[in-house]
Amino acid sequence: MKKTLATTAALLAFLGTAYAATVQGTIQAVDPTTKSITLDDGKIYQLSPDAAVGKLKVGAKVAVTVDDKTGMVTSIKKAS
């Protein structure tokens, strides 16, 4: 019984965690109206409503981390 409870708790903790993917690319477009950016791969990435879009510049090389569950960008860093 204890083993089953421990396994169930571990499984629920695993399912509750968000997965994230990191994509590197060059910003091709910044849309402050929709709070999104387009990278050179042609994909549009949705930023959070409170993102400081004004700091993002076309031509900047960035590493974008995206929450796989929501599709929302969780961080943008300068790519190396």
PDB file of N, CA and C in Angstrom:
ATOM      1  N   MET A   1       0.821  -1.189   0.000  1.00  0.00           N
ATOM      2  CA  MET A   1       0.000   0.000   0.000  1.00  0.00           C
ATOM      3  C   MET A   1       0.868   1.256   0.000  1.00  0.00           C
ATOM      4  N   LYS A   2       1.914   1.271   0.863  1.00  0.00           N
ATOM      5  CA  LYS A   2       2.798   2.435   0.921  1.00  0.00           C
ATOM      6  C   LYS A   2       3.539   2.627  -0.390  1.00  0.00           C
ATOM      7  N   LYS A   3       3.927   1.512  -1.000  1.00  0.00           N
ATOM      8  CA  LYS A   3       4.642   1.576  -2.270  1.00  0.00           C
ATOM      9  C   LYS A   3       3.748   2.168  -3.361  1.00  0.00           C
ATOM     10  N   THR A   4       2.497   1.755  -3.403  1.00  0.00           N
ATOM     11  CA  THR A   4       1.543   2.260  -4.390  1.00  0.00           C
ATOM     12  C   THR A   4       1.307   3.752  -4.179  1.00  0.00           C
ATOM     13  N   LEU A   5       1.158   4.174  -2.946  1.00  0.00           N
ATOM     14  CA  LEU A   5       0.940   5.586  -2.628  1.00  0.00           C
ATOM     15  C   LEU A   5       2.148   6.424  -3.029  1.00  0.00           C
ATOM     16  N   ALA A   6       3.336   5.944  -2.752  1.00  0.00           N
ATOM     17  CA  ALA A   6       4.557   6.664  -3.116  1.00  0.00           C
ATOM     18  C   ALA A   6       4.701   6.761  -4.637  1.00  0.00           C
ATOM     19  N   THR A   7       4.390   5.685  -5.329  1.00  0.00           N
ATOM     20  CA  THR A   7       4.467   5.685  -6.790  1.00  0.00           C
ATOM     21  C   THR A   7       3.452   6.655  -7.384  1.00  0.00           C
ATOM     22  N   THR A   8       2.248   6.662  -6.842  1.00  0.00           N
ATOM     23  CA  THR A   8       1.202   7.575  -7.324  1.00  0.00           C
ATOM     24  C   THR A   8       1.609   9.025  -7.085  1.00  0.00           C
ATOM     25  N   ALA A   9       2.150   9.326  -5.923  1.00  0.00           N
ATOM     26  CA  ALA A   9       2.587  10.686  -5.612  1.00  0.00           C
ATOM     27  C   ALA A   9       3.700  11.128  -6.561  1.00  0.00           C
ATOM     28  N   ALA A  10       4.641  10.253  -6.832  1.00  0.00           N
ATOM     29  CA  ALA A  10       5.734  10.584  -7.745  1.00  0.00           C
ATOM     30  C   ALA A  10       5.212  10.811  -9.157  1.00  0.00           C
ATOM     31  N   LEU A  11       4.271   9.995  -9.585  1.00  0.00           N
ATOM     32  CA  LEU A  11       3.694  10.142 -10.918  1.00  0.00           C
ATOM     33  C   LEU A  11       2.939  11.465 -11.046  1.00  0.00           C
ATOM     34  N   LEU A  12       2.164  11.823 -10.034  1.00  0.00           N
ATOM     35  CA  LEU A  12       1.430  13.089 -10.068  1.00  0.00           C
ATOM     36  C   LEU A  12       2.384  14.282 -10.082  1.00  0.00           C
ATOM     37  N   ALA A  13       3.472  14.205  -9.353  1.00  0.00           N
ATOM     38  CA  ALA A  13       4.460  15.286  -9.360  1.00  0.00           C
ATOM     39  C   ALA A  13       5.091  15.411 -10.740  1.00  0.00           C
ATOM     40  N   PHE A  14       5.362  14.285 -11.360  1.00  0.00           N
ATOM     41  CA  PHE A  14       5.944  14.286 -12.704  1.00  0.00           C
ATOM     42  C   PHE A  14       4.978  14.887 -13.715  1.00  0.00           C
ATOM     43  N   LEU A  15       3.715  14.535 -13.637  1.00  0.00           N
ATOM     44  CA  LEU A  15       2.725  15.038 -14.580  1.00  0.00           C
ATOM     45  C   LEU A  15       2.471  16.533 -14.405  1.00  0.00           C
ATOM     46  N   GLY A  16       2.670  17.043 -13.203  1.00  0.00           N
ATOM     47  CA  GLY A  16       2.413  18.448 -12.934  1.00  0.00           C
ATOM     48  C   GLY A  16       3.512  19.375 -13.409  1.00  0.00           C
ATOM     49  N   THR A  17       4.666  18.840 -13.734  1.00  0.00           N
ATOM     50  CA  THR A  17       5.758  19.702 -14.161  1.00  0.00           C
ATOM     51  C   THR A  17       5.597  20.086 -15.624  1.00  0.00           C
ATOM     52  N   ALA A  18       6.011  21.286 -15.927  1.00  0.00           N
ATOM     53  CA  ALA A  18       5.915  21.775 -17.304  1.00  0.00           C
ATOM     54  C   ALA A  18       7.184  21.407 -18.058  1.00  0.00           C
ATOM     55  N   TYR A  19       7.011  21.065 -19.303  1.00  0.00           N
ATOM     56  CA  TYR A  19       8.147  20.784 -20.154  1.00  0.00           C
ATOM     57  C   TYR A  19       8.468  22.043 -20.946  1.00  0.00           C
ATOM     58  N   ALA A  20       9.725  22.245 -21.228  1.00  0.00           N
ATOM     59  CA  ALA A  20      10.127  23.429 -21.972  1.00  0.00           C
ATOM     60  C   ALA A  20      11.126  23.029 -23.056  1.00  0.00           C
ATOM     61  N   ALA A  21      11.034  23.725 -24.155  1.00  0.00           N
ATOM     62  CA  ALA A  21      11.973  23.519 -25.252  1.00  0.00           C
ATOM     63  C   ALA A  21      12.688  24.836 -25.508  1.00  0.00           C
ATOM     64  N   THR A  22      13.961  24.766 -25.844  1.00  0.00           N
ATOM     65  CA  THR A  22      14.720  25.973 -26.156  1.00  0.00           C
ATOM     66  C   THR A  22      15.061  25.968 -27.637  1.00  0.00           C
ATOM     67  N   VAL A  23      14.786  27.097 -28.275  1.00  0.00           N
ATOM     68  CA  VAL A  23      15.025  27.272 -29.703  1.00  0.00           C
ATOM     69  C   VAL A  23      15.946  28.470 -29.870  1.00  0.00           C
ATOM     70  N   GLN A  24      16.955  28.340 -30.722  1.00  0.00           N
ATOM     71  CA  GLN A  24      17.836  29.471 -31.008  1.00  0.00           C
ATOM     72  C   GLN A  24      17.560  29.984 -32.402  1.00  0.00           C
ATOM     73  N   GLY A  25      17.658  31.291 -32.551  1.00  0.00           N
ATOM     74  CA  GLY A  25      17.433  31.876 -33.857  1.00  0.00           C
ATOM     75  C   GLY A  25      17.644  33.375 -33.834  1.00  0.00           C
ATOM     76  N   THR A  26      17.363  33.998 -34.969  1.00  0.00           N
ATOM     77  CA  THR A  26      17.493  35.444 -35.126  1.00  0.00           C
ATOM     78  C   THR A  26      16.096  36.033 -35.241  1.00  0.00           C
ATOM     79  N   ILE A  27      15.842  37.096 -34.497  1.00  0.00           N
ATOM     80  CA  ILE A  27      14.532  37.741 -34.540  1.00  0.00           C
ATOM     81  C   ILE A  27      14.349  38.407 -35.902  1.00  0.00           C
ATOM     82  N   GLN A  28      13.276  38.033 -36.596  1.00  0.00           N
ATOM     83  CA  GLN A  28      12.939  38.608 -37.898  1.00  0.00           C
ATOM     84  C   GLN A  28      11.883  39.697 -37.773  1.00  0.00           C
ATOM     85  N   ALA A  29      11.000  39.573 -36.752  1.00  0.00           N
ATOM     86  CA  ALA A  29       9.939  40.556 -36.554  1.00  0.00           C
ATOM     87  C   ALA A  29       9.524  40.574 -35.091  1.00  0.00           C
ATOM     88  N   VAL A  30       9.141  41.762 -34.627  1.00  0.00           N
ATOM     89  CA  VAL A  30       8.606  41.941 -33.278  1.00  0.00           C
ATOM     90  C   VAL A  30       7.256  42.634 -33.436  1.00  0.00           C
ATOM     91  N   ASP A  31       6.199  42.046 -32.869  1.00  0.00           N
ATOM     92  CA  ASP A  31       4.871  42.636 -32.952  1.00  0.00           C
ATOM     93  C   ASP A  31       4.396  43.009 -31.551  1.00  0.00           C
ATOM     94  N   PRO A  32       4.498  44.310 -31.196  1.00  0.00           N
ATOM     95  CA  PRO A  32       4.088  44.733 -29.854  1.00  0.00           C
ATOM     96  C   PRO A  32       2.579  44.618 -29.625  1.00  0.00           C
ATOM     97  N   THR A  33       1.795  44.652 -30.694  1.00  0.00           N
ATOM     98  CA  THR A  33       0.336  44.563 -30.556  1.00  0.00           C
ATOM     99  C   THR A  33      -0.094  43.182 -30.085  1.00  0.00           C
ATOM    100  N   THR A  34       0.481  42.154 -30.696  1.00  0.00           N
ATOM    101  CA  THR A  34       0.120  40.779 -30.327  1.00  0.00           C
ATOM    102  C   THR A  34       1.091  40.169 -29.325  1.00  0.00           C
ATOM    103  N   LYS A  35       2.118  40.940 -28.936  1.00  0.00           N
ATOM    104  CA  LYS A  35       3.154  40.454 -28.009  1.00  0.00           C
ATOM    105  C   LYS A  35       3.751  39.146 -28.529  1.00  0.00           C
ATOM    106  N   SER A  36       4.279  39.210 -29.751  1.00  0.00           N
ATOM    107  CA  SER A  36       4.880  38.017 -30.345  1.00  0.00           C
ATOM    108  C   SER A  36       6.129  38.400 -31.123  1.00  0.00           C
ATOM    109  N   ILE A  37       6.960  37.393 -31.357  1.00  0.00           N
ATOM    110  CA  ILE A  37       8.146  37.564 -32.190  1.00  0.00           C
ATOM    111  C   ILE A  37       8.158  36.462 -33.239  1.00  0.00           C
ATOM    112  N   THR A  38       8.792  36.759 -34.357  1.00  0.00           N
ATOM    113  CA  THR A  38       8.996  35.765 -35.403  1.00  0.00           C
ATOM    114  C   THR A  38      10.494  35.547 -35.534  1.00  0.00           C
ATOM    115  N   LEU A  39      10.910  34.294 -35.499  1.00  0.00           N
ATOM    116  CA  LEU A  39      12.325  33.965 -35.665  1.00  0.00           C
ATOM    117  C   LEU A  39      12.587  33.575 -37.113  1.00  0.00           C
ATOM    118  N   ASP A  40      13.869  33.416 -37.432  1.00  0.00           N
ATOM    119  CA  ASP A  40      14.259  33.090 -38.801  1.00  0.00           C
ATOM    120  C   ASP A  40      13.809  31.706 -39.249  1.00  0.00           C
ATOM    121  N   ASP A  41      13.265  30.899 -38.334  1.00  0.00           N
ATOM    122  CA  ASP A  41      12.697  29.608 -38.733  1.00  0.00           C
ATOM    123  C   ASP A  41      11.268  29.773 -39.247  1.00  0.00           C
ATOM    124  N   GLY A  42      10.753  31.032 -39.204  1.00  0.00           N
ATOM    125  CA  GLY A  42       9.415  31.324 -39.695  1.00  0.00           C
ATOM    126  C   GLY A  42       8.318  31.146 -38.668  1.00  0.00           C
ATOM    127  N   LYS A  43       8.662  30.605 -37.500  1.00  0.00           N
ATOM    128  CA  LYS A  43       7.658  30.373 -36.472  1.00  0.00           C
ATOM    129  C   LYS A  43       7.432  31.647 -35.653  1.00  0.00           C
ATOM    130  N   ILE A  44       6.188  31.816 -35.236  1.00  0.00           N
ATOM    131  CA  ILE A  44       5.807  32.944 -34.390  1.00  0.00           C
ATOM    132  C   ILE A  44       5.711  32.434 -32.963  1.00  0.00           C
ATOM    133  N   TYR A  45       6.360  33.144 -32.050  1.00  0.00           N
ATOM    134  CA  TYR A  45       6.391  32.758 -30.650  1.00  0.00           C
ATOM    135  C   TYR A  45       5.643  33.801 -29.825  1.00  0.00           C
ATOM    136  N   GLN A  46       4.674  33.334 -29.026  1.00  0.00           N
ATOM    137  CA  GLN A  46       3.833  34.205 -28.212  1.00  0.00           C
ATOM    138  C   GLN A  46       4.528  34.532 -26.890  1.00  0.00           C
ATOM    139  N   LEU A  47       4.607  35.823 -26.582  1.00  0.00           N
ATOM    140  CA  LEU A  47       5.216  36.281 -25.336  1.00  0.00           C
ATOM    141  C   LEU A  47       4.150  36.463 -24.272  1.00  0.00           C
ATOM    142  N   SER A  48       4.569  36.543 -23.028  1.00  0.00           N
ATOM    143  CA  SER A  48       3.620  36.778 -21.946  1.00  0.00           C
ATOM    144  C   SER A  48       3.095  38.210 -22.034  1.00  0.00           C
ATOM    145  N   PRO A  49       1.909  38.457 -21.499  1.00  0.00           N
ATOM    146  CA  PRO A  49       1.317  39.797 -21.576  1.00  0.00           C
ATOM    147  C   PRO A  49       2.175  40.891 -20.941  1.00  0.00           C
ATOM    148  N   ASP A  50       3.002  40.541 -19.976  1.00  0.00           N
ATOM    149  CA  ASP A  50       3.828  41.547 -19.305  1.00  0.00           C
ATOM    150  C   ASP A  50       5.258  41.625 -19.856  1.00  0.00           C
ATOM    151  N   ALA A  51       5.502  41.004 -20.995  1.00  0.00           N
ATOM    152  CA  ALA A  51       6.842  41.006 -21.598  1.00  0.00           C
ATOM    153  C   ALA A  51       7.228  42.407 -22.064  1.00  0.00           C
ATOM    154  N   ALA A  52       8.497  42.750 -21.897  1.00  0.00           N
ATOM    155  CA  ALA A  52       9.032  44.042 -22.331  1.00  0.00           C
ATOM    156  C   ALA A  52       9.434  43.929 -23.803  1.00  0.00           C
ATOM    157  N   VAL A  53       8.464  44.044 -24.682  1.00  0.00           N
ATOM    158  CA  VAL A  53       8.679  43.859 -26.117  1.00  0.00           C
ATOM    159  C   VAL A  53       9.619  44.921 -26.676  1.00  0.00           C
ATOM    160  N   GLY A  54       9.608  46.120 -26.102  1.00  0.00           N
ATOM    161  CA  GLY A  54      10.438  47.207 -26.593  1.00  0.00           C
ATOM    162  C   GLY A  54      11.930  46.926 -26.529  1.00  0.00           C
ATOM    163  N   LYS A  55      12.341  45.976 -25.705  1.00  0.00           N
ATOM    164  CA  LYS A  55      13.764  45.639 -25.583  1.00  0.00           C
ATOM    165  C   LYS A  55      14.227  44.648 -26.650  1.00  0.00           C
ATOM    166  N   LEU A  56      13.285  44.064 -27.375  1.00  0.00           N
ATOM    167  CA  LEU A  56      13.622  43.078 -28.398  1.00  0.00           C
ATOM    168  C   LEU A  56      13.848  43.775 -29.730  1.00  0.00           C
ATOM    169  N   LYS A  57      14.932  43.430 -30.396  1.00  0.00           N
ATOM    170  CA  LYS A  57      15.314  44.085 -31.644  1.00  0.00           C
ATOM    171  C   LYS A  57      15.425  43.079 -32.781  1.00  0.00           C
ATOM    172  N   VAL A  58      14.935  43.472 -33.953  1.00  0.00           N
ATOM    173  CA  VAL A  58      15.086  42.654 -35.152  1.00  0.00           C
ATOM    174  C   VAL A  58      16.579  42.480 -35.425  1.00  0.00           C
ATOM    175  N   GLY A  59      16.980  41.263 -35.742  1.00  0.00           N
ATOM    176  CA  GLY A  59      18.379  40.951 -36.010  1.00  0.00           C
ATOM    177  C   GLY A  59      19.124  40.388 -34.814  1.00  0.00           C
ATOM    178  N   ALA A  60      18.529  40.461 -33.631  1.00  0.00           N
ATOM    179  CA  ALA A  60      19.174  39.930 -32.429  1.00  0.00           C
ATOM    180  C   ALA A  60      19.143  38.406 -32.454  1.00  0.00           C
ATOM    181  N   LYS A  61      20.262  37.800 -32.072  1.00  0.00           N
ATOM    182  CA  LYS A  61      20.336  36.342 -31.965  1.00  0.00           C
ATOM    183  C   LYS A  61      19.935  35.977 -30.546  1.00  0.00           C
ATOM    184  N   VAL A  62      18.914  35.119 -30.429  1.00  0.00           N
ATOM    185  CA  VAL A  62      18.341  34.809 -29.128  1.00  0.00           C
ATOM    186  C   VAL A  62      18.147  33.307 -28.937  1.00  0.00           C
ATOM    187  N   ALA A  63      18.037  32.933 -27.671  1.00  0.00           N
ATOM    188  CA  ALA A  63      17.627  31.592 -27.275  1.00  0.00           C
ATOM    189  C   ALA A  63      16.281  31.755 -26.578  1.00  0.00           C
ATOM    190  N   VAL A  64      15.245  31.160 -27.148  1.00  0.00           N
ATOM    191  CA  VAL A  64      13.882  31.311 -26.653  1.00  0.00           C
ATOM    192  C   VAL A  64      13.459  30.004 -25.997  1.00  0.00           C
ATOM    193  N   THR A  65      13.006  30.081 -24.758  1.00  0.00           N
ATOM    194  CA  THR A  65      12.490  28.904 -24.065  1.00  0.00           C
ATOM    195  C   THR A  65      10.968  28.973 -24.086  1.00  0.00           C
ATOM    196  N   VAL A  66      10.362  27.883 -24.555  1.00  0.00           N
ATOM    197  CA  VAL A  66       8.916  27.839 -24.733  1.00  0.00           C
ATOM    198  C   VAL A  66       8.335  26.723 -23.874  1.00  0.00           C
ATOM    199  N   ASP A  67       7.260  27.028 -23.147  1.00  0.00           N
ATOM    200  CA  ASP A  67       6.540  26.033 -22.365  1.00  0.00           C
ATOM    201  C   ASP A  67       5.750  25.163 -23.338  1.00  0.00           C
ATOM    202  N   ASP A  68       6.047  23.871 -23.382  1.00  0.00           N
ATOM    203  CA  ASP A  68       5.392  22.963 -24.327  1.00  0.00           C
ATOM    204  C   ASP A  68       3.895  22.839 -24.058  1.00  0.00           C
ATOM    205  N   LYS A  69       3.504  23.035 -22.826  1.00  0.00           N
ATOM    206  CA  LYS A  69       2.099  22.874 -22.467  1.00  0.00           C
ATOM    207  C   LYS A  69       1.256  24.045 -22.960  1.00  0.00           C
ATOM    208  N   THR A  70       1.750  25.262 -22.764  1.00  0.00           N
ATOM    209  CA  THR A  70       0.979  26.458 -23.108  1.00  0.00           C
ATOM    210  C   THR A  70       1.400  27.086 -24.434  1.00  0.00           C
ATOM    211  N   GLY A  71       2.616  26.776 -24.881  1.00  0.00           N
ATOM    212  CA  GLY A  71       3.139  27.391 -26.094  1.00  0.00           C
ATOM    213  C   GLY A  71       3.664  28.805 -25.867  1.00  0.00           C
ATOM    214  N   MET A  72       3.647  29.255 -24.632  1.00  0.00           N
ATOM    215  CA  MET A  72       4.060  30.611 -24.263  1.00  0.00           C
ATOM    216  C   MET A  72       5.572  30.651 -24.010  1.00  0.00           C
ATOM    217  N   VAL A  73       6.199  31.733 -24.463  1.00  0.00           N
ATOM    218  CA  VAL A  73       7.619  31.932 -24.213  1.00  0.00           C
ATOM    219  C   VAL A  73       7.811  32.211 -22.722  1.00  0.00           C
ATOM    220  N   THR A  74       8.730  31.474 -22.104  1.00  0.00           N
ATOM    221  CA  THR A  74       9.005  31.675 -20.681  1.00  0.00           C
ATOM    222  C   THR A  74      10.278  32.485 -20.445  1.00  0.00           C
ATOM    223  N   SER A  75      11.179  32.494 -21.439  1.00  0.00           N
ATOM    224  CA  SER A  75      12.369  33.327 -21.317  1.00  0.00           C
ATOM    225  C   SER A  75      13.010  33.558 -22.686  1.00  0.00           C
ATOM    226  N   ILE A  76      13.664  34.695 -22.793  1.00  0.00           N
ATOM    227  CA  ILE A  76      14.440  35.034 -23.989  1.00  0.00           C
ATOM    228  C   ILE A  76      15.791  35.517 -23.517  1.00  0.00           C
ATOM    229  N   LYS A  77      16.833  34.892 -24.007  1.00  0.00           N
ATOM    230  CA  LYS A  77      18.203  35.280 -23.653  1.00  0.00           C
ATOM    231  C   LYS A  77      19.018  35.490 -24.907  1.00  0.00           C
ATOM    232  N   LYS A  78      20.026  36.294 -24.800  1.00  0.00           N
ATOM    233  CA  LYS A  78      20.947  36.502 -25.902  1.00  0.00           C
ATOM    234  C   LYS A  78      21.658  35.184 -26.190  1.00  0.00           C
ATOM    235  N   ALA A  79      21.644  34.777 -27.445  1.00  0.00           N
ATOM    236  CA  ALA A  79      22.291  33.513 -27.821  1.00  0.00           C
ATOM    237  C   ALA A  79      23.797  33.708 -27.935  1.00  0.00           C
ATOM    238  N   SER A  80      24.522  32.664 -27.620  1.00  0.00           N
ATOM    239  CA  SER A  80      25.988  32.748 -27.705  1.00  0.00           C
ATOM    240  C   SER A  80      26.483  32.256 -29.031  1.00  0.00           C
TER     241      SER A  80
END
